Amino acid sequence: MFSILKQKVLNGGSPVMILGQTVQRIRPAVDAYRGYSSAAKEMTVREALNSALDEEMSADPKVFIMGEEVGEYQGAYKISKGLLEKYGPERVLDTPITEAGFTGIGVGAAYYGLKPVVEFMTFNFSMQVGVPFKTT
């Protein structure tokens, strides 16, 4: 594309006008390619996260979720609601209150080819995980 633009500019065309014409020709093709649905479903962030987890867990048996109260309680914010019943305790793991511990387990699982989703109750707890590793 740039060689065509360069050739047109060298033949006396205005670069701005040529680029504008090119973009006008490309834009309809790009817009048609997106294929957005006109009937978008409204959902909360919680529902979107739950749906995304469900979609990934159904598509790939290597994906699992772990964290405090993600199984029986269905997550502190109900992000993992219904996943324990659907995928079982082998893929929806309740962990003890040891953020550094289950983060380490998640890193090890990823190292061996699994795809863990580690859920922390709050962002603050995730920040505490890096402190022991940073200071040692």
Protein backbone atom coordinates (compact mmCIF):
# COMPACT_ATOMS: atom_id res chain seq x y z
CA MET A 1 0.00 0.00 0.00
CA PHE A 2 2.79 2.42 0.87
CA SER A 3 4.53 1.82 -2.46
CA ILE A 4 1.32 2.79 -4.27
CA LEU A 5 1.01 5.95 -2.16
CA LYS A 6 4.64 6.81 -2.79
CA GLN A 7 4.16 6.38 -6.53
CA LYS A 8 1.08 8.62 -6.57
CA VAL A 9 2.88 11.30 -4.56
CA LEU A 10 5.85 11.19 -6.93
CA ASN A 11 3.41 11.65 -9.84
CA GLY A 12 2.27 14.96 -8.35
CA GLY A 13 -0.59 14.00 -6.05
CA SER A 14 -1.15 15.53 -2.63
CA PRO A 15 -0.21 13.05 0.12
CA VAL A 16 -3.10 14.14 2.35
CA MET A 17 -5.68 13.82 -0.42
CA ILE A 18 -4.35 10.45 -1.58
CA LEU A 19 -4.31 9.08 1.96
CA GLY A 20 -7.85 10.36 2.56
CA GLN A 21 -9.12 8.65 -0.60
CA THR A 22 -7.38 5.41 0.38
CA VAL A 23 -8.88 5.45 3.87
CA GLN A 24 -12.34 6.08 2.44
CA ARG A 25 -11.95 2.99 0.24
CA ILE A 26 -10.64 0.79 3.08
CA ARG A 27 -13.06 1.87 5.85
CA PRO A 28 -16.21 0.13 4.48
CA ALA A 29 -14.31 -3.14 4.16
CA VAL A 30 -13.04 -2.89 7.73
CA ASP A 31 -16.48 -1.96 9.10
CA ALA A 32 -18.08 -4.91 7.28
CA TYR A 33 -15.38 -7.24 8.63
CA ARG A 34 -16.13 -6.37 12.28
CA GLY A 35 -19.57 -7.89 12.10
CA TYR A 36 -20.92 -6.41 15.32
CA SER A 37 -24.27 -7.69 16.45
CA SER A 38 -26.97 -5.06 16.39
CA ALA A 39 -28.71 -6.69 19.35
CA ALA A 40 -26.09 -6.40 22.09
CA LYS A 41 -26.97 -8.01 25.40
CA GLU A 42 -26.59 -5.80 28.44
CA MET A 43 -24.83 -7.44 31.37
CA THR A 44 -22.99 -6.49 34.50
CA VAL A 45 -19.22 -6.82 34.83
CA ARG A 46 -19.85 -9.75 37.17
CA GLU A 47 -21.95 -11.53 34.55
CA ALA A 48 -19.40 -10.79 31.83
CA LEU A 49 -16.54 -12.23 33.88
CA ASN A 50 -18.58 -15.31 34.77
CA SER A 51 -19.54 -15.79 31.13
CA ALA A 52 -15.93 -15.42 29.98
CA LEU A 53 -14.71 -17.95 32.56
CA ASP A 54 -17.44 -20.39 31.57
CA GLU A 55 -16.62 -19.97 27.88
CA GLU A 56 -12.90 -20.56 28.38
CA MET A 57 -13.41 -23.51 30.73
CA SER A 58 -15.77 -25.20 28.27
CA ALA A 59 -13.38 -24.60 25.36
CA ASP A 60 -10.20 -25.83 27.07
CA PRO A 61 -9.99 -28.57 29.73
CA LYS A 62 -6.65 -27.16 30.90
CA VAL A 63 -8.31 -24.00 32.26
CA PHE A 64 -9.18 -24.04 35.95
CA ILE A 65 -9.98 -21.43 38.60
CA MET A 66 -8.60 -21.29 42.11
CA GLY A 67 -8.89 -18.91 45.03
CA GLU A 68 -10.54 -18.27 48.36
CA GLU A 69 -14.19 -19.32 48.38
CA VAL A 70 -14.50 -19.64 44.59
CA GLY A 71 -16.17 -23.05 44.84
CA GLU A 72 -18.71 -23.57 47.62
CA TYR A 73 -19.34 -19.85 48.22
CA GLN A 74 -19.12 -19.12 44.45
CA GLY A 75 -16.61 -16.32 44.83
CA ALA A 76 -16.51 -13.25 47.03
CA TYR A 77 -18.31 -11.29 44.30
CA LYS A 78 -20.10 -14.31 42.74
CA ILE A 79 -17.81 -14.32 39.71
CA SER A 80 -17.56 -18.12 39.76
CA LYS A 81 -21.30 -18.67 40.31
CA GLY A 82 -22.41 -22.02 38.91
CA LEU A 83 -18.94 -23.11 37.78
CA LEU A 84 -18.42 -25.65 40.59
CA GLU A 85 -21.63 -27.46 39.66
CA LYS A 86 -20.76 -27.42 35.97
CA TYR A 87 -17.04 -28.31 36.07
CA GLY A 88 -16.60 -29.99 39.44
CA PRO A 89 -14.10 -29.57 42.28
CA GLU A 90 -11.15 -30.64 40.11
CA ARG A 91 -11.40 -27.43 38.06
CA VAL A 92 -12.91 -25.03 40.61
CA LEU A 93 -10.56 -25.14 43.59
CA ASP A 94 -11.18 -23.53 46.96
CA THR A 95 -7.86 -22.59 48.56
CA PRO A 96 -6.84 -21.64 52.09
CA ILE A 97 -6.22 -17.98 52.91
CA THR A 98 -2.64 -17.96 51.63
CA GLU A 99 -2.36 -15.61 48.67
CA ALA A 100 1.34 -16.24 48.14
CA GLY A 101 0.74 -19.99 48.34
CA PHE A 102 -1.97 -20.31 45.74
CA THR A 103 -0.27 -17.76 43.52
CA GLY A 104 2.81 -19.98 43.56
CA ILE A 105 0.66 -22.99 42.75
CA GLY A 106 -0.84 -21.07 39.82
CA VAL A 107 2.61 -20.14 38.49
CA GLY A 108 3.75 -23.76 38.79
CA ALA A 109 0.61 -25.04 37.06
CA ALA A 110 1.15 -22.59 34.19
CA TYR A 111 4.79 -23.71 33.94
CA TYR A 112 3.56 -27.25 33.36
CA GLY A 113 1.07 -26.28 30.65
CA LEU A 114 -2.15 -25.76 32.60
CA LYS A 115 -4.07 -22.48 32.43
CA PRO A 116 -4.91 -21.33 35.94
CA VAL A 117 -7.15 -18.39 36.77
CA VAL A 118 -6.17 -17.17 40.23
CA GLU A 119 -8.86 -15.11 41.92
CA PHE A 120 -8.00 -12.77 44.78
CA MET A 121 -10.73 -11.35 46.99
CA THR A 122 -9.40 -7.83 46.53
CA PHE A 123 -6.61 -6.17 44.61
CA ASN A 124 -4.82 -5.32 47.87
CA PHE A 125 -4.23 -8.99 48.59
CA SER A 126 -2.63 -9.49 45.19
CA MET A 127 -0.18 -6.69 45.90
CA GLN A 128 0.99 -8.43 49.07
CA VAL A 129 2.06 -11.48 47.09
CA GLY A 130 4.94 -9.69 45.34
CA VAL A 131 6.40 -8.21 48.53
CA PRO A 132 8.00 -11.40 49.95
CA PHE A 133 9.50 -12.28 46.57
CA LYS A 134 10.80 -8.76 46.05
CA THR A 135 12.56 -8.52 49.41
CA THR A 136 14.25 -11.92 49.42
